[in-house]
Amino acid sequence: GQGVLMHGPTFMGNPLACSVAVASIKLLL
């Protein structure tokens, strides 16, 4: 009934990091 994972980094899901990760994986595949 709680459902809250107790973690939340300040820079979680950083857009710059996510963008380059998407590009890197696509480039690899």
mmCIF file of all heavy atoms, coordinates in Angstrom:
data_MODEL
# 
_entry.id   MODEL 
# 
loop_
_atom_site.group_PDB 
_atom_site.id 
_atom_site.type_symbol 
_atom_site.label_atom_id 
_atom_site.label_alt_id 
_atom_site.label_comp_id 
_atom_site.label_asym_id 
_atom_site.label_entity_id 
_atom_site.label_seq_id 
_atom_site.pdbx_PDB_ins_code 
_atom_site.Cartn_x 
_atom_site.Cartn_y 
_atom_site.Cartn_z 
_atom_site.occupancy 
_atom_site.B_iso_or_equiv 
_atom_site.pdbx_formal_charge 
_atom_site.auth_seq_id 
_atom_site.auth_comp_id 
_atom_site.auth_asym_id 
_atom_site.auth_atom_id 
_atom_site.pdbx_PDB_model_num 
ATOM 1   N N   . GLY A 1 1  ? 0.794  -1.223 0.000   1.00 0.00 ? 1  GLY A N   1 
ATOM 2   C CA  . GLY A 1 1  ? 0.000  0.000  0.000   1.00 0.00 ? 1  GLY A CA  1 
ATOM 3   C C   . GLY A 1 1  ? 0.823  1.267  0.000   1.00 0.00 ? 1  GLY A C   1 
ATOM 4   O O   . GLY A 1 1  ? 0.290  2.368  -0.193  1.00 0.00 ? 1  GLY A O   1 
ATOM 5   N N   . GLN A 1 2  ? 2.131  1.150  0.195   1.00 0.00 ? 2  GLN A N   1 
ATOM 6   C CA  . GLN A 1 2  ? 3.008  2.327  0.188   1.00 0.00 ? 2  GLN A CA  1 
ATOM 7   C C   . GLN A 1 2  ? 3.510  2.594  -1.235  1.00 0.00 ? 2  GLN A C   1 
ATOM 8   O O   . GLN A 1 2  ? 3.233  3.619  -1.825  1.00 0.00 ? 2  GLN A O   1 
ATOM 9   C CB  . GLN A 1 2  ? 4.179  2.117  1.157   1.00 0.00 ? 2  GLN A CB  1 
ATOM 10  C CG  . GLN A 1 2  ? 3.752  1.898  2.601   1.00 0.00 ? 2  GLN A CG  1 
ATOM 11  C CD  . GLN A 1 2  ? 2.993  3.065  3.170   1.00 0.00 ? 2  GLN A CD  1 
ATOM 12  O OE1 . GLN A 1 2  ? 3.383  4.217  2.978   1.00 0.00 ? 2  GLN A OE1 1 
ATOM 13  N NE2 . GLN A 1 2  ? 1.898  2.779  3.859   1.00 0.00 ? 2  GLN A NE2 1 
ATOM 14  N N   . GLY A 1 3  ? 4.292  1.662  -1.771  1.00 0.00 ? 3  GLY A N   1 
ATOM 15  C CA  . GLY A 1 3  ? 4.687  1.726  -3.175  1.00 0.00 ? 3  GLY A CA  1 
ATOM 16  C C   . GLY A 1 3  ? 5.740  2.738  -3.516  1.00 0.00 ? 3  GLY A C   1 
ATOM 17  O O   . GLY A 1 3  ? 5.989  3.002  -4.686  1.00 0.00 ? 3  GLY A O   1 
ATOM 18  N N   . VAL A 1 4  ? 6.376  3.338  -2.531  1.00 0.00 ? 4  VAL A N   1 
ATOM 19  C CA  . VAL A 1 4  ? 7.355  4.388  -2.806  1.00 0.00 ? 4  VAL A CA  1 
ATOM 20  C C   . VAL A 1 4  ? 8.755  3.813  -2.699  1.00 0.00 ? 4  VAL A C   1 
ATOM 21  O O   . VAL A 1 4  ? 9.188  3.406  -1.611  1.00 0.00 ? 4  VAL A O   1 
ATOM 22  C CB  . VAL A 1 4  ? 7.203  5.563  -1.817  1.00 0.00 ? 4  VAL A CB  1 
ATOM 23  C CG1 . VAL A 1 4  ? 8.252  6.633  -2.080  1.00 0.00 ? 4  VAL A CG1 1 
ATOM 24  C CG2 . VAL A 1 4  ? 5.802  6.154  -1.918  1.00 0.00 ? 4  VAL A CG2 1 
ATOM 25  N N   . LEU A 1 5  ? 9.483  3.750  -3.803  1.00 0.00 ? 5  LEU A N   1 
ATOM 26  C CA  . LEU A 1 5  ? 10.888 3.345  -3.762  1.00 0.00 ? 5  LEU A CA  1 
ATOM 27  C C   . LEU A 1 5  ? 11.693 4.505  -3.197  1.00 0.00 ? 5  LEU A C   1 
ATOM 28  O O   . LEU A 1 5  ? 11.698 5.604  -3.764  1.00 0.00 ? 5  LEU A O   1 
ATOM 29  C CB  . LEU A 1 5  ? 11.395 2.981  -5.164  1.00 0.00 ? 5  LEU A CB  1 
ATOM 30  C CG  . LEU A 1 5  ? 12.865 2.573  -5.236  1.00 0.00 ? 5  LEU A CG  1 
ATOM 31  C CD1 . LEU A 1 5  ? 13.125 1.310  -4.424  1.00 0.00 ? 5  LEU A CD1 1 
ATOM 32  C CD2 . LEU A 1 5  ? 13.283 2.362  -6.690  1.00 0.00 ? 5  LEU A CD2 1 
ATOM 33  N N   . MET A 1 6  ? 12.366 4.264  -2.098  1.00 0.00 ? 6  MET A N   1 
ATOM 34  C CA  . MET A 1 6  ? 12.979 5.359  -1.354  1.00 0.00 ? 6  MET A CA  1 
ATOM 35  C C   . MET A 1 6  ? 14.344 5.749  -1.892  1.00 0.00 ? 6  MET A C   1 
ATOM 36  O O   . MET A 1 6  ? 15.391 5.533  -1.289  1.00 0.00 ? 6  MET A O   1 
ATOM 37  C CB  . MET A 1 6  ? 13.064 4.985  0.129   1.00 0.00 ? 6  MET A CB  1 
ATOM 38  C CG  . MET A 1 6  ? 11.710 4.843  0.804   1.00 0.00 ? 6  MET A CG  1 
ATOM 39  S SD  . MET A 1 6  ? 10.668 6.328  0.614   1.00 0.00 ? 6  MET A SD  1 
ATOM 40  C CE  . MET A 1 6  ? 11.644 7.527  1.523   1.00 0.00 ? 6  MET A CE  1 
ATOM 41  N N   . HIS A 1 7  ? 14.339 6.327  -3.066  1.00 0.00 ? 7  HIS A N   1 
ATOM 42  C CA  . HIS A 1 7  ? 15.571 6.849  -3.654  1.00 0.00 ? 7  HIS A CA  1 
ATOM 43  C C   . HIS A 1 7  ? 15.198 7.892  -4.706  1.00 0.00 ? 7  HIS A C   1 
ATOM 44  O O   . HIS A 1 7  ? 14.230 7.704  -5.447  1.00 0.00 ? 7  HIS A O   1 
ATOM 45  C CB  . HIS A 1 7  ? 16.398 5.733  -4.297  1.00 0.00 ? 7  HIS A CB  1 
ATOM 46  C CG  . HIS A 1 7  ? 17.864 6.031  -4.338  1.00 0.00 ? 7  HIS A CG  1 
ATOM 47  N ND1 . HIS A 1 7  ? 18.721 5.708  -3.305  1.00 0.00 ? 7  HIS A ND1 1 
ATOM 48  C CD2 . HIS A 1 7  ? 18.623 6.642  -5.264  1.00 0.00 ? 7  HIS A CD2 1 
ATOM 49  C CE1 . HIS A 1 7  ? 19.953 6.098  -3.605  1.00 0.00 ? 7  HIS A CE1 1 
ATOM 50  N NE2 . HIS A 1 7  ? 19.912 6.662  -4.796  1.00 0.00 ? 7  HIS A NE2 1 
ATOM 51  N N   . GLY A 1 8  ? 15.965 8.967  -4.785  1.00 0.00 ? 8  GLY A N   1 
ATOM 52  C CA  . GLY A 1 8  ? 15.671 10.011 -5.769  1.00 0.00 ? 8  GLY A CA  1 
ATOM 53  C C   . GLY A 1 8  ? 16.845 10.946 -5.967  1.00 0.00 ? 8  GLY A C   1 
ATOM 54  O O   . GLY A 1 8  ? 16.911 12.015 -5.364  1.00 0.00 ? 8  GLY A O   1 
ATOM 55  N N   . PRO A 1 9  ? 17.826 10.560 -6.817  1.00 0.00 ? 9  PRO A N   1 
ATOM 56  C CA  . PRO A 1 9  ? 19.002 11.402 -7.032  1.00 0.00 ? 9  PRO A CA  1 
ATOM 57  C C   . PRO A 1 9  ? 18.636 12.771 -7.606  1.00 0.00 ? 9  PRO A C   1 
ATOM 58  O O   . PRO A 1 9  ? 17.717 12.893 -8.418  1.00 0.00 ? 9  PRO A O   1 
ATOM 59  C CB  . PRO A 1 9  ? 19.833 10.612 -8.048  1.00 0.00 ? 9  PRO A CB  1 
ATOM 60  C CG  . PRO A 1 9  ? 19.332 9.205  -7.946  1.00 0.00 ? 9  PRO A CG  1 
ATOM 61  C CD  . PRO A 1 9  ? 17.895 9.306  -7.577  1.00 0.00 ? 9  PRO A CD  1 
ATOM 62  N N   . THR A 1 10 ? 19.375 13.791 -7.205  1.00 0.00 ? 10 THR A N   1 
ATOM 63  C CA  . THR A 1 10 ? 19.126 15.150 -7.687  1.00 0.00 ? 10 THR A CA  1 
ATOM 64  C C   . THR A 1 10 ? 19.204 15.224 -9.207  1.00 0.00 ? 10 THR A C   1 
ATOM 65  O O   . THR A 1 10 ? 18.387 15.885 -9.851  1.00 0.00 ? 10 THR A O   1 
ATOM 66  C CB  . THR A 1 10 ? 20.152 16.126 -7.069  1.00 0.00 ? 10 THR A CB  1 
ATOM 67  O OG1 . THR A 1 10 ? 20.016 16.098 -5.648  1.00 0.00 ? 10 THR A OG1 1 
ATOM 68  C CG2 . THR A 1 10 ? 19.931 17.539 -7.572  1.00 0.00 ? 10 THR A CG2 1 
ATOM 69  N N   . PHE A 1 11 ? 20.206 14.546 -9.776  1.00 0.00 ? 11 PHE A N   1 
ATOM 70  C CA  . PHE A 1 11 ? 20.388 14.603 -11.228 1.00 0.00 ? 11 PHE A CA  1 
ATOM 71  C C   . PHE A 1 11 ? 19.807 13.373 -11.930 1.00 0.00 ? 11 PHE A C   1 
ATOM 72  O O   . PHE A 1 11 ? 20.235 13.013 -13.019 1.00 0.00 ? 11 PHE A O   1 
ATOM 73  C CB  . PHE A 1 11 ? 21.872 14.771 -11.569 1.00 0.00 ? 11 PHE A CB  1 
ATOM 74  C CG  . PHE A 1 11 ? 22.370 16.175 -11.329 1.00 0.00 ? 11 PHE A CG  1 
ATOM 75  C CD1 . PHE A 1 11 ? 22.890 16.544 -10.107 1.00 0.00 ? 11 PHE A CD1 1 
ATOM 76  C CD2 . PHE A 1 11 ? 22.272 17.142 -12.322 1.00 0.00 ? 11 PHE A CD2 1 
ATOM 77  C CE1 . PHE A 1 11 ? 23.333 17.830 -9.868  1.00 0.00 ? 11 PHE A CE1 1 
ATOM 78  C CE2 . PHE A 1 11 ? 22.707 18.439 -12.105 1.00 0.00 ? 11 PHE A CE2 1 
ATOM 79  C CZ  . PHE A 1 11 ? 23.241 18.792 -10.876 1.00 0.00 ? 11 PHE A CZ  1 
ATOM 80  N N   . MET A 1 12 ? 18.811 12.772 -11.320 1.00 0.00 ? 12 MET A N   1 
ATOM 81  C CA  . MET A 1 12 ? 18.150 11.603 -11.895 1.00 0.00 ? 12 MET A CA  1 
ATOM 82  C C   . MET A 1 12 ? 17.573 11.927 -13.273 1.00 0.00 ? 12 MET A C   1 
ATOM 83  O O   . MET A 1 12 ? 16.901 12.930 -13.467 1.00 0.00 ? 12 MET A O   1 
ATOM 84  C CB  . MET A 1 12 ? 17.033 11.149 -10.960 1.00 0.00 ? 12 MET A CB  1 
ATOM 85  C CG  . MET A 1 12 ? 16.307 9.893  -11.403 1.00 0.00 ? 12 MET A CG  1 
ATOM 86  S SD  . MET A 1 12 ? 15.086 9.409  -10.143 1.00 0.00 ? 12 MET A SD  1 
ATOM 87  C CE  . MET A 1 12 ? 14.376 7.968  -10.915 1.00 0.00 ? 12 MET A CE  1 
ATOM 88  N N   . GLY A 1 13 ? 17.871 11.053 -14.246 1.00 0.00 ? 13 GLY A N   1 
ATOM 89  C CA  . GLY A 1 13 ? 17.320 11.228 -15.588 1.00 0.00 ? 13 GLY A CA  1 
ATOM 90  C C   . GLY A 1 13 ? 17.805 12.480 -16.284 1.00 0.00 ? 13 GLY A C   1 
ATOM 91  O O   . GLY A 1 13 ? 17.081 13.057 -17.106 1.00 0.00 ? 13 GLY A O   1 
ATOM 92  N N   . ASN A 1 14 ? 19.026 12.911 -16.005 1.00 0.00 ? 14 ASN A N   1 
ATOM 93  C CA  . ASN A 1 14 ? 19.558 14.129 -16.626 1.00 0.00 ? 14 ASN A CA  1 
ATOM 94  C C   . ASN A 1 14 ? 19.357 14.104 -18.145 1.00 0.00 ? 14 ASN A C   1 
ATOM 95  O O   . ASN A 1 14 ? 19.746 13.138 -18.815 1.00 0.00 ? 14 ASN A O   1 
ATOM 96  C CB  . ASN A 1 14 ? 21.037 14.269 -16.286 1.00 0.00 ? 14 ASN A CB  1 
ATOM 97  C CG  . ASN A 1 14 ? 21.692 15.406 -17.035 1.00 0.00 ? 14 ASN A CG  1 
ATOM 98  O OD1 . ASN A 1 14 ? 22.362 15.182 -18.031 1.00 0.00 ? 14 ASN A OD1 1 
ATOM 99  N ND2 . ASN A 1 14 ? 21.496 16.620 -16.557 1.00 0.00 ? 14 ASN A ND2 1 
ATOM 100 N N   . PRO A 1 15 ? 18.731 15.141 -18.735 1.00 0.00 ? 15 PRO A N   1 
ATOM 101 C CA  . PRO A 1 15 ? 18.424 15.125 -20.165 1.00 0.00 ? 15 PRO A CA  1 
ATOM 102 C C   . PRO A 1 15 ? 19.641 15.007 -21.073 1.00 0.00 ? 15 PRO A C   1 
ATOM 103 O O   . PRO A 1 15 ? 19.574 14.332 -22.106 1.00 0.00 ? 15 PRO A O   1 
ATOM 104 C CB  . PRO A 1 15 ? 17.700 16.464 -20.389 1.00 0.00 ? 15 PRO A CB  1 
ATOM 105 C CG  . PRO A 1 15 ? 17.131 16.817 -19.054 1.00 0.00 ? 15 PRO A CG  1 
ATOM 106 C CD  . PRO A 1 15 ? 18.118 16.314 -18.057 1.00 0.00 ? 15 PRO A CD  1 
ATOM 107 N N   . LEU A 1 16 ? 20.749 15.667 -20.715 1.00 0.00 ? 16 LEU A N   1 
ATOM 108 C CA  . LEU A 1 16 ? 21.960 15.557 -21.539 1.00 0.00 ? 16 LEU A CA  1 
ATOM 109 C C   . LEU A 1 16 ? 22.455 14.117 -21.562 1.00 0.00 ? 16 LEU A C   1 
ATOM 110 O O   . LEU A 1 16 ? 22.782 13.573 -22.617 1.00 0.00 ? 16 LEU A O   1 
ATOM 111 C CB  . LEU A 1 16 ? 23.055 16.478 -21.007 1.00 0.00 ? 16 LEU A CB  1 
ATOM 112 C CG  . LEU A 1 16 ? 22.882 17.977 -21.201 1.00 0.00 ? 16 LEU A CG  1 
ATOM 113 C CD1 . LEU A 1 16 ? 24.040 18.719 -20.531 1.00 0.00 ? 16 LEU A CD1 1 
ATOM 114 C CD2 . LEU A 1 16 ? 22.835 18.335 -22.683 1.00 0.00 ? 16 LEU A CD2 1 
ATOM 115 N N   . ALA A 1 17 ? 22.526 13.499 -20.386 1.00 0.00 ? 17 ALA A N   1 
ATOM 116 C CA  . ALA A 1 17 ? 23.010 12.124 -20.297 1.00 0.00 ? 17 ALA A CA  1 
ATOM 117 C C   . ALA A 1 17 ? 22.077 11.164 -21.031 1.00 0.00 ? 17 ALA A C   1 
ATOM 118 O O   . ALA A 1 17 ? 22.529 10.272 -21.749 1.00 0.00 ? 17 ALA A O   1 
ATOM 119 C CB  . ALA A 1 17 ? 23.162 11.717 -18.833 1.00 0.00 ? 17 ALA A CB  1 
ATOM 120 N N   . CYS A 1 18 ? 20.781 11.339 -20.849 1.00 0.00 ? 18 CYS A N   1 
ATOM 121 C CA  . CYS A 1 18 ? 19.818 10.463 -21.529 1.00 0.00 ? 18 CYS A CA  1 
ATOM 122 C C   . CYS A 1 18 ? 19.899 10.619 -23.044 1.00 0.00 ? 18 CYS A C   1 
ATOM 123 O O   . CYS A 1 18 ? 19.823 9.634  -23.790 1.00 0.00 ? 18 CYS A O   1 
ATOM 124 C CB  . CYS A 1 18 ? 18.403 10.748 -21.042 1.00 0.00 ? 18 CYS A CB  1 
ATOM 125 S SG  . CYS A 1 18 ? 18.071 10.222 -19.344 1.00 0.00 ? 18 CYS A SG  1 
ATOM 126 N N   . SER A 1 19 ? 20.066 11.849 -23.512 1.00 0.00 ? 19 SER A N   1 
ATOM 127 C CA  . SER A 1 19 ? 20.137 12.090 -24.957 1.00 0.00 ? 19 SER A CA  1 
ATOM 128 C C   . SER A 1 19 ? 21.340 11.407 -25.588 1.00 0.00 ? 19 SER A C   1 
ATOM 129 O O   . SER A 1 19 ? 21.231 10.763 -26.637 1.00 0.00 ? 19 SER A O   1 
ATOM 130 C CB  . SER A 1 19 ? 20.205 13.597 -25.228 1.00 0.00 ? 19 SER A CB  1 
ATOM 131 O OG  . SER A 1 19 ? 18.999 14.223 -24.882 1.00 0.00 ? 19 SER A OG  1 
ATOM 132 N N   . VAL A 1 20 ? 22.486 11.547 -24.947 1.00 0.00 ? 20 VAL A N   1 
ATOM 133 C CA  . VAL A 1 20 ? 23.683 10.945 -25.532 1.00 0.00 ? 20 VAL A CA  1 
ATOM 134 C C   . VAL A 1 20 ? 23.636 9.428  -25.381 1.00 0.00 ? 20 VAL A C   1 
ATOM 135 O O   . VAL A 1 20 ? 24.156 8.697  -26.239 1.00 0.00 ? 20 VAL A O   1 
ATOM 136 C CB  . VAL A 1 20 ? 24.969 11.555 -24.930 1.00 0.00 ? 20 VAL A CB  1 
ATOM 137 C CG1 . VAL A 1 20 ? 25.243 11.046 -23.536 1.00 0.00 ? 20 VAL A CG1 1 
ATOM 138 C CG2 . VAL A 1 20 ? 26.159 11.314 -25.843 1.00 0.00 ? 20 VAL A CG2 1 
ATOM 139 N N   . ALA A 1 21 ? 22.983 8.920  -24.335 1.00 0.00 ? 21 ALA A N   1 
ATOM 140 C CA  . ALA A 1 21 ? 22.830 7.476  -24.192 1.00 0.00 ? 21 ALA A CA  1 
ATOM 141 C C   . ALA A 1 21 ? 21.970 6.903  -25.313 1.00 0.00 ? 21 ALA A C   1 
ATOM 142 O O   . ALA A 1 21 ? 22.301 5.859  -25.894 1.00 0.00 ? 21 ALA A O   1 
ATOM 143 C CB  . ALA A 1 21 ? 22.207 7.144  -22.834 1.00 0.00 ? 21 ALA A CB  1 
ATOM 144 N N   . VAL A 1 22 ? 20.868 7.579  -25.637 1.00 0.00 ? 22 VAL A N   1 
ATOM 145 C CA  . VAL A 1 22 ? 20.018 7.141  -26.746 1.00 0.00 ? 22 VAL A CA  1 
ATOM 146 C C   . VAL A 1 22 ? 20.827 7.093  -28.040 1.00 0.00 ? 22 VAL A C   1 
ATOM 147 O O   . VAL A 1 22 ? 20.759 6.120  -28.804 1.00 0.00 ? 22 VAL A O   1 
ATOM 148 C CB  . VAL A 1 22 ? 18.802 8.075  -26.901 1.00 0.00 ? 22 VAL A CB  1 
ATOM 149 C CG1 . VAL A 1 22 ? 18.066 7.803  -28.213 1.00 0.00 ? 22 VAL A CG1 1 
ATOM 150 C CG2 . VAL A 1 22 ? 17.852 7.914  -25.721 1.00 0.00 ? 22 VAL A CG2 1 
ATOM 151 N N   . ALA A 1 23 ? 21.607 8.134  -28.291 1.00 0.00 ? 23 ALA A N   1 
ATOM 152 C CA  . ALA A 1 23 ? 22.405 8.199  -29.515 1.00 0.00 ? 23 ALA A CA  1 
ATOM 153 C C   . ALA A 1 23 ? 23.484 7.115  -29.532 1.00 0.00 ? 23 ALA A C   1 
ATOM 154 O O   . ALA A 1 23 ? 23.752 6.497  -30.568 1.00 0.00 ? 23 ALA A O   1 
ATOM 155 C CB  . ALA A 1 23 ? 23.044 9.581  -29.643 1.00 0.00 ? 23 ALA A CB  1 
ATOM 156 N N   . SER A 1 24 ? 24.109 6.879  -28.384 1.00 0.00 ? 24 SER A N   1 
ATOM 157 C CA  . SER A 1 24 ? 25.175 5.882  -28.311 1.00 0.00 ? 24 SER A CA  1 
ATOM 158 C C   . SER A 1 24 ? 24.649 4.475  -28.549 1.00 0.00 ? 24 SER A C   1 
ATOM 159 O O   . SER A 1 24 ? 25.263 3.690  -29.294 1.00 0.00 ? 24 SER A O   1 
ATOM 160 C CB  . SER A 1 24 ? 25.860 5.961  -26.942 1.00 0.00 ? 24 SER A CB  1 
ATOM 161 O OG  . SER A 1 24 ? 26.866 4.975  -26.835 1.00 0.00 ? 24 SER A OG  1 
ATOM 162 N N   . ILE A 1 25 ? 23.526 4.142  -27.941 1.00 0.00 ? 25 ILE A N   1 
ATOM 163 C CA  . ILE A 1 25 ? 22.956 2.801  -28.124 1.00 0.00 ? 25 ILE A CA  1 
ATOM 164 C C   . ILE A 1 25 ? 22.517 2.602  -29.570 1.00 0.00 ? 25 ILE A C   1 
ATOM 165 O O   . ILE A 1 25 ? 22.744 1.538  -30.170 1.00 0.00 ? 25 ILE A O   1 
ATOM 166 C CB  . ILE A 1 25 ? 21.788 2.578  -27.149 1.00 0.00 ? 25 ILE A CB  1 
ATOM 167 C CG1 . ILE A 1 25 ? 22.304 2.570  -25.705 1.00 0.00 ? 25 ILE A CG1 1 
ATOM 168 C CG2 . ILE A 1 25 ? 21.067 1.263  -27.459 1.00 0.00 ? 25 ILE A CG2 1 
ATOM 169 C CD1 . ILE A 1 25 ? 21.215 2.603  -24.662 1.00 0.00 ? 25 ILE A CD1 1 
ATOM 170 N N   . LYS A 1 26 ? 21.899 3.623  -30.140 1.00 0.00 ? 26 LYS A N   1 
ATOM 171 C CA  . LYS A 1 26 ? 21.481 3.536  -31.548 1.00 0.00 ? 26 LYS A CA  1 
ATOM 172 C C   . LYS A 1 26 ? 22.694 3.338  -32.453 1.00 0.00 ? 26 LYS A C   1 
ATOM 173 O O   . LYS A 1 26 ? 22.681 2.507  -33.372 1.00 0.00 ? 26 LYS A O   1 
ATOM 174 C CB  . LYS A 1 26 ? 20.726 4.803  -31.941 1.00 0.00 ? 26 LYS A CB  1 
ATOM 175 C CG  . LYS A 1 26 ? 20.121 4.801  -33.344 1.00 0.00 ? 26 LYS A CG  1 
ATOM 176 C CD  . LYS A 1 26 ? 19.233 6.021  -33.542 1.00 0.00 ? 26 LYS A CD  1 
ATOM 177 C CE  . LYS A 1 26 ? 18.527 5.987  -34.899 1.00 0.00 ? 26 LYS A CE  1 
ATOM 178 N NZ  . LYS A 1 26 ? 19.452 6.218  -36.020 1.00 0.00 ? 26 LYS A NZ  1 
ATOM 179 N N   . LEU A 1 27 ? 23.747 4.085  -32.184 1.00 0.00 ? 27 LEU A N   1 
ATOM 180 C CA  . LEU A 1 27 ? 24.979 3.977  -32.975 1.00 0.00 ? 27 LEU A CA  1 
ATOM 181 C C   . LEU A 1 27 ? 25.558 2.570  -32.857 1.00 0.00 ? 27 LEU A C   1 
ATOM 182 O O   . LEU A 1 27 ? 26.008 1.977  -33.852 1.00 0.00 ? 27 LEU A O   1 
ATOM 183 C CB  . LEU A 1 27 ? 25.989 5.012  -32.478 1.00 0.00 ? 27 LEU A CB  1 
ATOM 184 C CG  . LEU A 1 27 ? 27.256 5.240  -33.297 1.00 0.00 ? 27 LEU A CG  1 
ATOM 185 C CD1 . LEU A 1 27 ? 26.926 5.785  -34.677 1.00 0.00 ? 27 LEU A CD1 1 
ATOM 186 C CD2 . LEU A 1 27 ? 28.186 6.206  -32.549 1.00 0.00 ? 27 LEU A CD2 1 
ATOM 187 N N   . LEU A 1 28 ? 25.535 2.003  -31.653 1.00 0.00 ? 28 LEU A N   1 
ATOM 188 C CA  . LEU A 1 28 ? 26.053 0.657  -31.451 1.00 0.00 ? 28 LEU A CA  1 
ATOM 189 C C   . LEU A 1 28 ? 25.232 -0.370 -32.215 1.00 0.00 ? 28 LEU A C   1 
ATOM 190 O O   . LEU A 1 28 ? 25.776 -1.205 -32.948 1.00 0.00 ? 28 LEU A O   1 
ATOM 191 C CB  . LEU A 1 28 ? 26.052 0.324  -29.954 1.00 0.00 ? 28 LEU A CB  1 
ATOM 192 C CG  . LEU A 1 28 ? 26.497 -1.077 -29.571 1.00 0.00 ? 28 LEU A CG  1 
ATOM 193 C CD1 . LEU A 1 28 ? 27.970 -1.274 -29.857 1.00 0.00 ? 28 LEU A CD1 1 
ATOM 194 C CD2 . LEU A 1 28 ? 26.179 -1.376 -28.106 1.00 0.00 ? 28 LEU A CD2 1 
ATOM 195 N N   . LEU A 1 29 ? 23.913 -0.310 -32.066 1.00 0.00 ? 29 LEU A N   1 
ATOM 196 C CA  . LEU A 1 29 ? 23.044 -1.313 -32.672 1.00 0.00 ? 29 LEU A CA  1 
ATOM 197 C C   . LEU A 1 29 ? 23.066 -1.256 -34.194 1.00 0.00 ? 29 LEU A C   1 
ATOM 198 O O   . LEU A 1 29 ? 22.845 -2.272 -34.863 1.00 0.00 ? 29 LEU A O   1 
ATOM 199 C CB  . LEU A 1 29 ? 21.613 -1.154 -32.156 1.00 0.00 ? 29 LEU A CB  1 
ATOM 200 C CG  . LEU A 1 29 ? 21.414 -1.383 -30.654 1.00 0.00 ? 29 LEU A CG  1 
ATOM 201 C CD1 . LEU A 1 29 ? 19.958 -1.163 -30.273 1.00 0.00 ? 29 LEU A CD1 1 
ATOM 202 C CD2 . LEU A 1 29 ? 21.879 -2.765 -30.231 1.00 0.00 ? 29 LEU A CD2 1 
# 
